[in-house]
Amino acid sequence: MPSTNLEIIQKAMEDFQKVQYHMLRAKKENAMETYGGLKKDYLYLKVFLTIAGVNLTELDEIKE
C-alpha cells in the first residue's frame, strides 16, 4: 500500500502508461468495446494526474 503522495502519483502514472498501451493495441485490433472500457480508466487517471499537478504533455500518447 502506498505510504506517500509521491508513491500514489507514481502508481497512477504507471497505470496511465499501461492503460494507454492497451488502448493503442485495442484500437489497432479494432476492439472498440475494449477500447471504450479502457477509455474510462484513461480519463479517470488523466483527471487524477492533472489534479495532482503532473504535466501529461509528454506522457499522453492518446491525446483524447
C-alpha atoms as a PDB file:
ATOM      1  CA  MET A   1       0.000   0.000   0.000  1.00  0.00           C
ATOM      2  CA  PRO A   2       1.440   3.393  -0.966  1.00  0.00           C
ATOM      3  CA  SER A   3       2.508   5.415   2.020  1.00  0.00           C
ATOM      4  CA  THR A   4       3.236   8.798   0.461  1.00  0.00           C
ATOM      5  CA  ASN A   5       1.612  11.079  -2.085  1.00  0.00           C
ATOM      6  CA  LEU A   6       4.569  10.550  -4.422  1.00  0.00           C
ATOM      7  CA  GLU A   7       4.057   6.791  -4.337  1.00  0.00           C
ATOM      8  CA  ILE A   8       0.371   7.237  -5.103  1.00  0.00           C
ATOM      9  CA  ILE A   9       1.192   9.510  -8.048  1.00  0.00           C
ATOM     10  CA  GLN A  10       3.887   7.109  -9.283  1.00  0.00           C
ATOM     11  CA  LYS A  11       1.390   4.220  -9.227  1.00  0.00           C
ATOM     12  CA  ALA A  12      -1.179   6.318 -11.101  1.00  0.00           C
ATOM     13  CA  MET A  13       1.429   7.240 -13.721  1.00  0.00           C
ATOM     14  CA  GLU A  14       2.343   3.578 -14.184  1.00  0.00           C
ATOM     15  CA  ASP A  15      -1.348   2.694 -14.533  1.00  0.00           C
ATOM     16  CA  PHE A  16      -1.795   5.559 -17.017  1.00  0.00           C
ATOM     17  CA  GLN A  17       1.004   4.198 -19.189  1.00  0.00           C
ATOM     18  CA  LYS A  18      -0.421   0.656 -19.058  1.00  0.00           C
ATOM     19  CA  VAL A  19      -3.917   1.833 -19.985  1.00  0.00           C
ATOM     20  CA  GLN A  20      -2.547   3.838 -22.914  1.00  0.00           C
ATOM     21  CA  TYR A  21      -0.583   0.814 -24.158  1.00  0.00           C
ATOM     22  CA  HIS A  22      -3.685  -1.375 -24.067  1.00  0.00           C
ATOM     23  CA  MET A  23      -5.828   1.339 -25.678  1.00  0.00           C
ATOM     24  CA  LEU A  24      -3.412   1.610 -28.592  1.00  0.00           C
ATOM     25  CA  ARG A  25      -3.431  -2.184 -29.022  1.00  0.00           C
ATOM     26  CA  ALA A  26      -7.222  -2.339 -28.825  1.00  0.00           C
ATOM     27  CA  LYS A  27      -7.522   0.406 -31.443  1.00  0.00           C
ATOM     28  CA  LYS A  28      -5.043  -1.376 -33.723  1.00  0.00           C
ATOM     29  CA  GLU A  29      -7.012  -4.629 -33.357  1.00  0.00           C
ATOM     30  CA  ASN A  30     -10.308  -2.763 -33.893  1.00  0.00           C
ATOM     31  CA  ALA A  31     -11.554  -3.912 -30.470  1.00  0.00           C
ATOM     32  CA  MET A  32     -13.747  -0.873 -29.946  1.00  0.00           C
ATOM     33  CA  GLU A  33     -15.675  -2.259 -26.962  1.00  0.00           C
ATOM     34  CA  THR A  34     -12.405  -2.932 -25.145  1.00  0.00           C
ATOM     35  CA  TYR A  35     -11.111   0.480 -26.197  1.00  0.00           C
ATOM     36  CA  GLY A  36     -14.228   2.144 -24.776  1.00  0.00           C
ATOM     37  CA  GLY A  37     -13.798   0.430 -21.423  1.00  0.00           C
ATOM     38  CA  LEU A  38     -10.145   1.381 -21.240  1.00  0.00           C
ATOM     39  CA  LYS A  39     -11.010   4.961 -22.164  1.00  0.00           C
ATOM     40  CA  LYS A  40     -12.985   5.320 -18.928  1.00  0.00           C
ATOM     41  CA  ASP A  41      -9.889   4.301 -16.944  1.00  0.00           C
ATOM     42  CA  TYR A  42      -7.743   6.587 -19.103  1.00  0.00           C
ATOM     43  CA  LEU A  43      -9.953   9.619 -18.437  1.00  0.00           C
ATOM     44  CA  TYR A  44     -10.108   8.916 -14.697  1.00  0.00           C
ATOM     45  CA  LEU A  45      -6.321   8.618 -14.444  1.00  0.00           C
ATOM     46  CA  LYS A  46      -5.806  11.684 -16.640  1.00  0.00           C
ATOM     47  CA  VAL A  47      -8.019  13.808 -14.379  1.00  0.00           C
ATOM     48  CA  PHE A  48      -6.367  12.435 -11.229  1.00  0.00           C
ATOM     49  CA  LEU A  49      -2.847  13.108 -12.514  1.00  0.00           C
ATOM     50  CA  THR A  50      -3.792  16.586 -13.732  1.00  0.00           C
ATOM     51  CA  ILE A  51      -5.218  17.458 -10.313  1.00  0.00           C
ATOM     52  CA  ALA A  52      -2.047  16.045  -8.738  1.00  0.00           C
ATOM     53  CA  GLY A  53      -0.028  18.518 -10.827  1.00  0.00           C
ATOM     54  CA  VAL A  54       1.539  16.056 -13.285  1.00  0.00           C
ATOM     55  CA  ASN A  55       2.290  17.554 -16.696  1.00  0.00           C
ATOM     56  CA  LEU A  56       0.927  14.971 -19.140  1.00  0.00           C
ATOM     57  CA  THR A  57       2.150  16.725 -22.282  1.00  0.00           C
ATOM     58  CA  GLU A  58       4.911  14.196 -22.931  1.00  0.00           C
ATOM     59  CA  LEU A  59       3.262  11.169 -21.304  1.00  0.00           C
ATOM     60  CA  ASP A  60      -0.107  11.305 -23.034  1.00  0.00           C
ATOM     61  CA  GLU A  61       0.108   9.303 -26.266  1.00  0.00           C
ATOM     62  CA  ILE A  62      -3.652   9.143 -26.845  1.00  0.00           C
ATOM     63  CA  LYS A  63      -4.434  12.907 -26.663  1.00  0.00           C
ATOM     64  CA  GLU A  64      -8.191  12.460 -26.078  1.00  0.00           C
END
